[in-house]
C-alpha atoms as a PDB file:
ATOM      1  CA  MET A   1      -1.943 -27.925  35.431  1.00  0.00           C
ATOM      2  CA  ARG A   2      -2.400 -24.660  33.665  1.00  0.00           C
ATOM      3  CA  ASN A   3      -3.401 -21.665  35.744  1.00  0.00           C
ATOM      4  CA  HIS A   4      -5.498 -19.511  33.359  1.00  0.00           C
ATOM      5  CA  GLN A   5      -5.674 -16.005  34.693  1.00  0.00           C
ATOM      6  CA  TYR A   6      -7.353 -14.392  31.697  1.00  0.00           C
ATOM      7  CA  HIS A   7     -10.281 -15.345  29.377  1.00  0.00           C
ATOM      8  CA  ALA A   8     -10.772 -14.385  25.672  1.00  0.00           C
ATOM      9  CA  ASP A   9     -13.445 -15.023  23.131  1.00  0.00           C
ATOM     10  CA  LEU A  10     -10.842 -16.401  20.675  1.00  0.00           C
ATOM     11  CA  LEU A  11      -7.280 -17.653  20.994  1.00  0.00           C
ATOM     12  CA  ILE A  12      -5.207 -18.106  17.773  1.00  0.00           C
ATOM     13  CA  SER A  13      -2.514 -20.477  18.806  1.00  0.00           C
ATOM     14  CA  ASP A  14       1.048 -21.230  17.514  1.00  0.00           C
ATOM     15  CA  GLY A  15       0.781 -19.213  14.315  1.00  0.00           C
ATOM     16  CA  ARG A  16       3.711 -17.480  12.480  1.00  0.00           C
ATOM     17  CA  VAL A  17       2.557 -14.046  13.353  1.00  0.00           C
ATOM     18  CA  HIS A  18       3.957 -11.213  11.069  1.00  0.00           C
ATOM     19  CA  THR A  19       4.984  -8.351  13.362  1.00  0.00           C
ATOM     20  CA  PRO A  20       7.148  -5.144  12.920  1.00  0.00           C
ATOM     21  CA  SER A  21      10.025  -7.174  14.253  1.00  0.00           C
ATOM     22  CA  GLY A  22       9.498 -10.079  11.760  1.00  0.00           C
ATOM     23  CA  LYS A  23       7.772 -13.423  11.893  1.00  0.00           C
ATOM     24  CA  GLN A  24       7.436 -14.940  15.322  1.00  0.00           C
ATOM     25  CA  GLU A  25       5.642 -18.063  16.499  1.00  0.00           C
ATOM     26  CA  MET A  26       3.216 -16.854  19.119  1.00  0.00           C
ATOM     27  CA  ASP A  27      -0.524 -16.736  20.217  1.00  0.00           C
ATOM     28  CA  ILE A  28      -3.119 -14.001  19.848  1.00  0.00           C
ATOM     29  CA  ALA A  29      -5.942 -13.389  22.130  1.00  0.00           C
ATOM     30  CA  CYS A  30      -9.079 -11.631  21.026  1.00  0.00           C
ATOM     31  CA  LYS A  31     -12.049 -10.215  23.152  1.00  0.00           C
ATOM     32  CA  ASN A  32     -15.036  -8.305  22.003  1.00  0.00           C
ATOM     33  CA  GLY A  33     -13.644  -8.199  18.390  1.00  0.00           C
ATOM     34  CA  GLN A  34     -10.344  -6.759  19.336  1.00  0.00           C
ATOM     35  CA  ILE A  35      -6.810  -8.153  19.845  1.00  0.00           C
ATOM     36  CA  VAL A  36      -6.141  -7.892  23.548  1.00  0.00           C
ATOM     37  CA  ALA A  37      -2.793  -9.800  23.841  1.00  0.00           C
ATOM     38  CA  ILE A  38       0.035 -11.198  21.709  1.00  0.00           C
ATOM     39  CA  GLY A  39       2.719 -13.571  22.950  1.00  0.00           C
ATOM     40  CA  SER A  40       3.056 -16.944  24.628  1.00  0.00           C
ATOM     41  CA  LEU A  41      -0.408 -17.026  26.074  1.00  0.00           C
ATOM     42  CA  LYS A  42      -1.496 -20.711  26.369  1.00  0.00           C
ATOM     43  CA  ASN A  43      -0.590 -20.953  30.042  1.00  0.00           C
ATOM     44  CA  SER A  44      -2.248 -17.659  31.115  1.00  0.00           C
ATOM     45  CA  TRP A  45      -5.251 -17.474  28.782  1.00  0.00           C
ATOM     46  CA  SER A  46      -8.360 -19.581  28.195  1.00  0.00           C
ATOM     47  CA  ALA A  47     -10.828 -19.005  25.399  1.00  0.00           C
ATOM     48  CA  ASP A  48     -14.279 -19.885  24.144  1.00  0.00           C
ATOM     49  CA  ASP A  49     -12.802 -20.728  20.759  1.00  0.00           C
ATOM     50  CA  VAL A  50      -9.292 -21.853  19.887  1.00  0.00           C
ATOM     51  CA  ILE A  51      -7.818 -21.917  16.381  1.00  0.00           C
ATOM     52  CA  GLN A  52      -4.739 -24.060  15.992  1.00  0.00           C
ATOM     53  CA  ALA A  53      -2.624 -22.090  13.558  1.00  0.00           C
ATOM     54  CA  SER A  54       0.556 -24.190  13.733  1.00  0.00           C
ATOM     55  CA  GLY A  55       2.398 -24.024  10.400  1.00  0.00           C
ATOM     56  CA  LEU A  56       0.177 -21.124   9.246  1.00  0.00           C
ATOM     57  CA  ASP A  57       1.017 -17.400   8.710  1.00  0.00           C
ATOM     58  CA  VAL A  58      -1.000 -14.891  10.529  1.00  0.00           C
ATOM     59  CA  LEU A  59      -1.104 -11.496   8.918  1.00  0.00           C
ATOM     60  CA  PRO A  60      -2.606  -8.147   9.991  1.00  0.00           C
ATOM     61  CA  GLY A  61      -5.711  -7.046   8.166  1.00  0.00           C
ATOM     62  CA  VAL A  62      -4.756  -5.397   4.857  1.00  0.00           C
ATOM     63  CA  MET A  63      -5.736  -1.874   4.008  1.00  0.00           C
ATOM     64  CA  ASP A  64      -6.676  -1.411   0.253  1.00  0.00           C
ATOM     65  CA  THR A  65      -6.558   2.226  -0.587  1.00  0.00           C
ATOM     66  CA  GLN A  66      -7.530   1.790  -4.210  1.00  0.00           C
ATOM     67  CA  LEU A  67     -11.109   0.725  -4.451  1.00  0.00           C
ATOM     68  CA  HIS A  68     -13.709   1.537  -7.117  1.00  0.00           C
ATOM     69  CA  PHE A  69     -17.055   0.425  -5.767  1.00  0.00           C
ATOM     70  CA  ARG A  70     -20.023   1.613  -7.870  1.00  0.00           C
ATOM     71  CA  GLU A  71     -22.517   2.771  -5.370  1.00  0.00           C
ATOM     72  CA  PRO A  72     -24.415   5.061  -5.681  1.00  0.00           C
ATOM     73  CA  GLY A  73     -25.669   5.202  -9.176  1.00  0.00           C
ATOM     74  CA  LEU A  74     -23.967   2.189 -10.841  1.00  0.00           C
ATOM     75  CA  THR A  75     -25.033  -0.628  -8.552  1.00  0.00           C
ATOM     76  CA  HIS A  76     -25.428  -3.019 -11.569  1.00  0.00           C
ATOM     77  CA  LYS A  77     -21.677  -3.153 -11.432  1.00  0.00           C
ATOM     78  CA  GLU A  78     -21.099  -3.509  -7.706  1.00  0.00           C
ATOM     79  CA  THR A  79     -22.412  -2.218  -4.341  1.00  0.00           C
ATOM     80  CA  ILE A  80     -20.667  -1.207  -1.210  1.00  0.00           C
ATOM     81  CA  GLU A  81     -22.083  -4.328   0.514  1.00  0.00           C
ATOM     82  CA  ALA A  82     -20.796  -6.659  -2.145  1.00  0.00           C
ATOM     83  CA  GLY A  83     -17.372  -4.975  -2.528  1.00  0.00           C
ATOM     84  CA  THR A  84     -16.631  -4.871   1.255  1.00  0.00           C
ATOM     85  CA  ARG A  85     -17.818  -8.484   1.710  1.00  0.00           C
ATOM     86  CA  GLY A  86     -15.386  -9.564  -1.029  1.00  0.00           C
ATOM     87  CA  ALA A  87     -12.690  -7.481   0.604  1.00  0.00           C
ATOM     88  CA  VAL A  88     -13.137  -9.180   3.959  1.00  0.00           C
ATOM     89  CA  LEU A  89     -13.026 -12.620   2.353  1.00  0.00           C
ATOM     90  CA  GLY A  90      -9.640 -11.635   0.827  1.00  0.00           C
ATOM     91  CA  GLY A  91      -8.277 -10.566   4.212  1.00  0.00           C
ATOM     92  CA  ILE A  92      -8.846  -6.748   3.706  1.00  0.00           C
ATOM     93  CA  THR A  93     -10.249  -5.038   6.759  1.00  0.00           C
ATOM     94  CA  SER A  94     -10.122  -1.390   5.669  1.00  0.00           C
ATOM     95  CA  VAL A  95     -10.893   0.225   2.326  1.00  0.00           C
ATOM     96  CA  PHE A  96     -10.504   3.654   0.726  1.00  0.00           C
ATOM     97  CA  GLU A  97     -13.022   4.066  -2.159  1.00  0.00           C
ATOM     98  CA  MET A  98     -12.756   6.436  -5.150  1.00  0.00           C
ATOM     99  CA  PRO A  99     -15.163   9.257  -6.149  1.00  0.00           C
ATOM    100  CA  ASN A 100     -16.170   8.226  -9.697  1.00  0.00           C
ATOM    101  CA  THR A 101     -19.647   7.089  -8.852  1.00  0.00           C
ATOM    102  CA  HIS A 102     -22.967   8.698  -9.741  1.00  0.00           C
ATOM    103  CA  PRO A 103     -23.264  11.326  -8.442  1.00  0.00           C
ATOM    104  CA  LEU A 104     -19.539  12.091  -8.299  1.00  0.00           C
ATOM    105  CA  THR A 105     -18.183  12.347  -4.757  1.00  0.00           C
ATOM    106  CA  VAL A 106     -17.363  16.087  -4.802  1.00  0.00           C
ATOM    107  CA  SER A 107     -19.283  17.575  -1.887  1.00  0.00           C
ATOM    108  CA  GLU A 108     -20.062  17.038   1.780  1.00  0.00           C
ATOM    109  CA  THR A 109     -23.488  15.742   0.758  1.00  0.00           C
ATOM    110  CA  ASP A 110     -22.118  13.254  -1.692  1.00  0.00           C
ATOM    111  CA  LEU A 111     -19.630  11.886   0.961  1.00  0.00           C
ATOM    112  CA  GLN A 112     -22.479  11.618   3.521  1.00  0.00           C
ATOM    113  CA  GLN A 113     -24.551   9.659   1.137  1.00  0.00           C
ATOM    114  CA  LYS A 114     -21.845   7.056   0.861  1.00  0.00           C
ATOM    115  CA  LEU A 115     -21.109   6.940   4.553  1.00  0.00           C
ATOM    116  CA  ASP A 116     -24.860   6.425   5.247  1.00  0.00           C
ATOM    117  CA  ILE A 117     -24.925   3.438   2.813  1.00  0.00           C
ATOM    118  CA  ALA A 118     -21.752   2.048   4.342  1.00  0.00           C
ATOM    119  CA  LYS A 119     -23.062   2.342   7.807  1.00  0.00           C
ATOM    120  CA  ARG A 120     -25.939   0.058   6.901  1.00  0.00           C
ATOM    121  CA  THR A 121     -24.234  -2.405   4.587  1.00  0.00           C
ATOM    122  CA  ALA A 122     -20.397  -2.374   4.788  1.00  0.00           C
ATOM    123  CA  TRP A 123     -18.558  -5.391   6.174  1.00  0.00           C
ATOM    124  CA  CYS A 124     -15.240  -3.588   7.000  1.00  0.00           C
ATOM    125  CA  ASP A 125     -13.800  -0.270   7.991  1.00  0.00           C
ATOM    126  CA  HIS A 126     -14.123   2.358   5.201  1.00  0.00           C
ATOM    127  CA  ALA A 127     -13.444   5.891   4.091  1.00  0.00           C
ATOM    128  CA  PHE A 128     -14.109   7.634   0.880  1.00  0.00           C
ATOM    129  CA  TYR A 129     -12.177   9.983  -1.370  1.00  0.00           C
ATOM    130  CA  ILE A 130     -13.594  13.304  -2.418  1.00  0.00           C
ATOM    131  CA  GLY A 131     -12.783  14.212  -6.019  1.00  0.00           C
ATOM    132  CA  GLY A 132     -10.744  17.378  -6.581  1.00  0.00           C
ATOM    133  CA  SER A 133     -12.292  19.310  -9.463  1.00  0.00           C
ATOM    134  CA  ASN A 134     -12.980  22.730 -10.838  1.00  0.00           C
ATOM    135  CA  ILE A 135     -16.352  22.965  -9.131  1.00  0.00           C
ATOM    136  CA  ASN A 136     -15.064  22.388  -5.565  1.00  0.00           C
ATOM    137  CA  ALA A 137     -11.434  23.596  -5.685  1.00  0.00           C
ATOM    138  CA  THR A 138     -12.029  26.355  -3.275  1.00  0.00           C
ATOM    139  CA  GLN A 139     -13.710  24.104  -0.772  1.00  0.00           C
ATOM    140  CA  LEU A 140     -11.244  21.225  -0.712  1.00  0.00           C
ATOM    141  CA  ALA A 141      -9.188  22.541   2.389  1.00  0.00           C
ATOM    142  CA  ASN A 142     -12.426  22.028   4.329  1.00  0.00           C
ATOM    143  CA  LEU A 143     -13.764  18.899   2.548  1.00  0.00           C
ATOM    144  CA  GLU A 144     -10.464  16.954   3.147  1.00  0.00           C
ATOM    145  CA  THR A 145     -11.089  17.315   7.000  1.00  0.00           C
ATOM    146  CA  LEU A 146     -14.531  15.882   7.031  1.00  0.00           C
ATOM    147  CA  PRO A 147     -14.995  12.648   9.016  1.00  0.00           C
ATOM    148  CA  GLY A 148     -14.912   9.581   6.706  1.00  0.00           C
ATOM    149  CA  CYS A 149     -12.886  11.341   4.069  1.00  0.00           C
ATOM    150  CA  SER A 150      -9.700   9.428   3.107  1.00  0.00           C
ATOM    151  CA  GLY A 151      -8.370  12.526   1.268  1.00  0.00           C
ATOM    152  CA  ILE A 152      -8.579  14.334  -2.111  1.00  0.00           C
ATOM    153  CA  LYS A 153      -8.285  12.308  -5.392  1.00  0.00           C
ATOM    154  CA  VAL A 154      -7.316  14.132  -8.545  1.00  0.00           C
ATOM    155  CA  PHE A 155      -7.698  12.646 -12.163  1.00  0.00           C
ATOM    156  CA  MET A 156      -5.230  14.405 -14.412  1.00  0.00           C
ATOM    157  CA  GLY A 157      -6.466  12.375 -17.373  1.00  0.00           C
ATOM    158  CA  SER A 158      -8.588   9.533 -18.518  1.00  0.00           C
ATOM    159  CA  SER A 159     -11.725  10.543 -16.570  1.00  0.00           C
ATOM    160  CA  PHE A 160     -14.975  12.247 -17.236  1.00  0.00           C
ATOM    161  CA  GLY A 161     -17.093  15.251 -16.388  1.00  0.00           C
ATOM    162  CA  ASP A 162     -16.084  17.415 -13.470  1.00  0.00           C
ATOM    163  CA  LEU A 163     -13.481  14.906 -12.222  1.00  0.00           C
ATOM    164  CA  LEU A 164     -11.118  15.564 -15.083  1.00  0.00           C
ATOM    165  CA  VAL A 165      -8.486  18.167 -13.953  1.00  0.00           C
ATOM    166  CA  ASP A 166      -6.285  18.928 -16.985  1.00  0.00           C
ATOM    167  CA  ASP A 167      -6.315  22.612 -16.482  1.00  0.00           C
ATOM    168  CA  GLU A 168      -2.971  23.930 -14.996  1.00  0.00           C
ATOM    169  CA  THR A 169      -4.708  26.674 -13.083  1.00  0.00           C
ATOM    170  CA  ILE A 170      -7.105  24.405 -11.362  1.00  0.00           C
ATOM    171  CA  LEU A 171      -4.449  21.854 -10.551  1.00  0.00           C
ATOM    172  CA  LYS A 172      -2.301  24.607  -8.918  1.00  0.00           C
ATOM    173  CA  HIS A 173      -5.214  25.808  -6.873  1.00  0.00           C
ATOM    174  CA  ILE A 174      -5.874  22.310  -5.561  1.00  0.00           C
ATOM    175  CA  LEU A 175      -2.273  21.633  -4.629  1.00  0.00           C
ATOM    176  CA  SER A 176      -1.880  25.032  -3.012  1.00  0.00           C
ATOM    177  CA  THR A 177      -5.028  24.634  -0.795  1.00  0.00           C
ATOM    178  CA  GLY A 178      -5.179  22.274   2.088  1.00  0.00           C
ATOM    179  CA  ASN A 179      -2.679  20.149   4.003  1.00  0.00           C
ATOM    180  CA  ARG A 180      -3.395  16.422   3.498  1.00  0.00           C
ATOM    181  CA  ARG A 181      -1.489  14.216   1.027  1.00  0.00           C
ATOM    182  CA  VAL A 182      -3.247  14.424  -2.389  1.00  0.00           C
ATOM    183  CA  ALA A 183      -3.880  11.151  -4.352  1.00  0.00           C
ATOM    184  CA  ILE A 184      -3.069  11.489  -8.039  1.00  0.00           C
ATOM    185  CA  HIS A 185      -4.123   9.709 -11.188  1.00  0.00           C
ATOM    186  CA  ALA A 186      -1.189  10.839 -13.402  1.00  0.00           C
ATOM    187  CA  GLU A 187      -1.860  10.584 -17.151  1.00  0.00           C
ATOM    188  CA  ASP A 188      -1.450  13.456 -19.619  1.00  0.00           C
ATOM    189  CA  GLU A 189      -4.898  14.149 -21.043  1.00  0.00           C
ATOM    190  CA  ALA A 190      -3.609  16.021 -24.216  1.00  0.00           C
ATOM    191  CA  ARG A 191      -1.406  13.114 -25.186  1.00  0.00           C
ATOM    192  CA  LEU A 192      -4.172  10.581 -24.533  1.00  0.00           C
ATOM    193  CA  ARG A 193      -6.562  12.610 -26.747  1.00  0.00           C
ATOM    194  CA  SER A 194      -3.933  12.996 -29.493  1.00  0.00           C
ATOM    195  CA  ARG A 195      -3.231   9.184 -29.545  1.00  0.00           C
ATOM    196  CA  LYS A 196      -6.762   7.777 -29.051  1.00  0.00           C
ATOM    197  CA  HIS A 197      -7.066   7.241 -32.764  1.00  0.00           C
ATOM    198  CA  LEU A 198      -4.584   4.338 -32.412  1.00  0.00           C
ATOM    199  CA  VAL A 199      -7.146   2.175 -30.654  1.00  0.00           C
ATOM    200  CA  GLU A 200     -10.162   3.572 -32.358  1.00  0.00           C
ATOM    201  CA  SER A 201      -8.922   2.574 -35.721  1.00  0.00           C
ATOM    202  CA  SER A 202      -7.701  -0.932 -34.819  1.00  0.00           C
ATOM    203  CA  GLN A 203     -10.142  -1.831 -32.128  1.00  0.00           C
ATOM    204  CA  GLN A 204      -7.522  -4.225 -30.717  1.00  0.00           C
ATOM    205  CA  VAL A 205      -6.759  -4.705 -27.112  1.00  0.00           C
ATOM    206  CA  LYS A 206      -3.025  -5.102 -27.909  1.00  0.00           C
ATOM    207  CA  ASP A 207      -2.929  -1.434 -28.989  1.00  0.00           C
ATOM    208  CA  HIS A 208      -4.035  -0.145 -25.539  1.00  0.00           C
ATOM    209  CA  PRO A 209      -0.424   0.343 -24.400  1.00  0.00           C
ATOM    210  CA  MET A 210       0.393   2.210 -27.541  1.00  0.00           C
ATOM    211  CA  TRP A 211      -2.347   4.684 -26.790  1.00  0.00           C
ATOM    212  CA  ARG A 212      -1.804   5.035 -23.043  1.00  0.00           C
ATOM    213  CA  ASP A 213       1.931   4.732 -23.368  1.00  0.00           C
ATOM    214  CA  VAL A 214       4.887   5.278 -21.043  1.00  0.00           C
ATOM    215  CA  GLU A 215       5.118   8.918 -21.957  1.00  0.00           C
ATOM    216  CA  SER A 216       1.448   9.618 -21.124  1.00  0.00           C
ATOM    217  CA  ALA A 217       2.192   8.573 -17.657  1.00  0.00           C
ATOM    218  CA  LEU A 218       5.560   9.989 -17.215  1.00  0.00           C
ATOM    219  CA  ILE A 219       4.774  13.514 -18.535  1.00  0.00           C
ATOM    220  CA  ALA A 220       1.917  13.796 -16.017  1.00  0.00           C
ATOM    221  CA  THR A 221       3.910  12.308 -13.074  1.00  0.00           C
ATOM    222  CA  LYS A 222       6.782  14.765 -13.599  1.00  0.00           C
ATOM    223  CA  ARG A 223       4.357  17.741 -14.113  1.00  0.00           C
ATOM    224  CA  VAL A 224       2.488  17.154 -10.809  1.00  0.00           C
ATOM    225  CA  VAL A 225       5.632  16.399  -8.819  1.00  0.00           C
ATOM    226  CA  THR A 226       7.104  19.727 -10.047  1.00  0.00           C
ATOM    227  CA  LEU A 227       3.956  21.521  -8.930  1.00  0.00           C
ATOM    228  CA  ALA A 228       3.792  19.746  -5.643  1.00  0.00           C
ATOM    229  CA  GLN A 229       7.338  20.891  -4.935  1.00  0.00           C
ATOM    230  CA  GLN A 230       6.444  24.412  -5.813  1.00  0.00           C
ATOM    231  CA  TYR A 231       3.505  24.449  -3.340  1.00  0.00           C
ATOM    232  CA  ASN A 232       5.152  22.171  -0.735  1.00  0.00           C
ATOM    233  CA  ARG A 233       2.370  19.604  -0.987  1.00  0.00           C
ATOM    234  CA  LYS A 234       2.824  15.882  -0.416  1.00  0.00           C
ATOM    235  CA  LEU A 235       1.476  13.482  -3.011  1.00  0.00           C
ATOM    236  CA  HIS A 236       0.482   9.837  -3.343  1.00  0.00           C
ATOM    237  CA  VAL A 237       0.767   8.805  -7.031  1.00  0.00           C
ATOM    238  CA  LEU A 238      -1.604   5.999  -7.805  1.00  0.00           C
ATOM    239  CA  HIS A 239      -1.301   2.722  -9.813  1.00  0.00           C
ATOM    240  CA  ILE A 240       2.310   3.237 -11.188  1.00  0.00           C
ATOM    241  CA  SER A 241       2.715   1.065 -14.297  1.00  0.00           C
ATOM    242  CA  THR A 242       6.114   1.921 -15.730  1.00  0.00           C
ATOM    243  CA  ALA A 243       9.742   1.476 -14.633  1.00  0.00           C
ATOM    244  CA  GLU A 244      10.457   4.961 -15.881  1.00  0.00           C
ATOM    245  CA  GLU A 245       8.073   6.529 -13.374  1.00  0.00           C
ATOM    246  CA  ILE A 246       9.487   4.478 -10.505  1.00  0.00           C
ATOM    247  CA  ALA A 247      13.051   5.623 -11.398  1.00  0.00           C
ATOM    248  CA  PHE A 248      11.841   9.286 -11.379  1.00  0.00           C
ATOM    249  CA  LEU A 249       9.815   8.917  -8.174  1.00  0.00           C
ATOM    250  CA  ALA A 250      12.675   7.296  -6.348  1.00  0.00           C
ATOM    251  CA  GLN A 251      14.323  10.721  -6.476  1.00  0.00           C
ATOM    252  CA  HIS A 252      11.414  12.364  -4.647  1.00  0.00           C
ATOM    253  CA  LYS A 253      10.685  10.075  -1.677  1.00  0.00           C
ATOM    254  CA  SER A 254      10.735  12.934   0.856  1.00  0.00           C
ATOM    255  CA  HIS A 255       7.222  14.199  -0.364  1.00  0.00           C
ATOM    256  CA  VAL A 256       5.879  11.555  -2.848  1.00  0.00           C
ATOM    257  CA  SER A 257       4.594   8.023  -1.916  1.00  0.00           C
ATOM    258  CA  VAL A 258       3.471   5.618  -4.516  1.00  0.00           C
ATOM    259  CA  GLU A 259       1.448   2.456  -5.054  1.00  0.00           C
ATOM    260  CA  VAL A 260       1.555  -0.384  -7.543  1.00  0.00           C
ATOM    261  CA  THR A 261      -1.387  -2.662  -8.146  1.00  0.00           C
ATOM    262  CA  PRO A 262      -0.916  -6.457  -8.501  1.00  0.00           C
ATOM    263  CA  GLN A 263      -1.570  -6.658 -12.133  1.00  0.00           C
ATOM    264  CA  HIS A 264       1.226  -4.225 -12.907  1.00  0.00           C
ATOM    265  CA  LEU A 265       3.596  -6.515 -11.234  1.00  0.00           C
ATOM    266  CA  THR A 266       2.386  -9.761 -12.860  1.00  0.00           C
ATOM    267  CA  LEU A 267       1.269  -8.637 -16.419  1.00  0.00           C
ATOM    268  CA  MET A 268       2.998  -6.822 -19.219  1.00  0.00           C
ATOM    269  CA  ALA A 269       1.737  -5.299 -22.490  1.00  0.00           C
ATOM    270  CA  PRO A 270       3.308  -8.004 -24.689  1.00  0.00           C
ATOM    271  CA  ASP A 271       1.007 -10.591 -22.950  1.00  0.00           C
ATOM    272  CA  CYS A 272      -1.839  -9.062 -25.075  1.00  0.00           C
ATOM    273  CA  TYR A 273      -0.028  -9.617 -28.354  1.00  0.00           C
ATOM    274  CA  ASP A 274      -0.910 -12.435 -30.858  1.00  0.00           C
END
């Protein structure tokens, strides 16, 4: 007869649990929405609800640090409520959302507006990037420390309004001010502008990678990494899409982290060709 000493709200039983030590078959006890025990628990724990997970993989909640919800201002595209609900359905329990909403997230007031909306409607844990720009460059050291700020996001190319930072002086000021790792969208704006006619004239999706080509990304990535070394600032380079960038960034792991989005691992430019 089992001698249950502890009681949980939920017991997930016999799953293949992914841990820092690898996959192990074990049980997970949850109480008041939190994990309170992991291991061989069936003889010591009872629960209101039991999920039999034999043969199933049990993974930690995923953090998605590259979200573009469209609230406030562009809610016909998506809201924080809809976006976070979809995240939870996909196993994502924490999100970092980007600043190109309307208004742009470039001040404490803008950040607080998003936090207030999320407090009412979000389904998961959340934080919001503040955009680094020419209008707030002198304030970023303070803004990056605000509760609910996931960090500073800089668009070096392919953005709009005050979020576009293609001026070397402003970029240097952003990187020389503050302490937290800076998230970078690395594309060379001058090259993008000079090559935009390639898609404007053809109006063909297949020409998109000819416009925003490998060099557009690599030039900007090399430029910002060099500046970051100069100012001893750590970077997180977003949505890497070329092997050339990975080869370069592999030489700078001490102060640069990177991300790759799923489509860049599963699709390639020739897929668009006739």
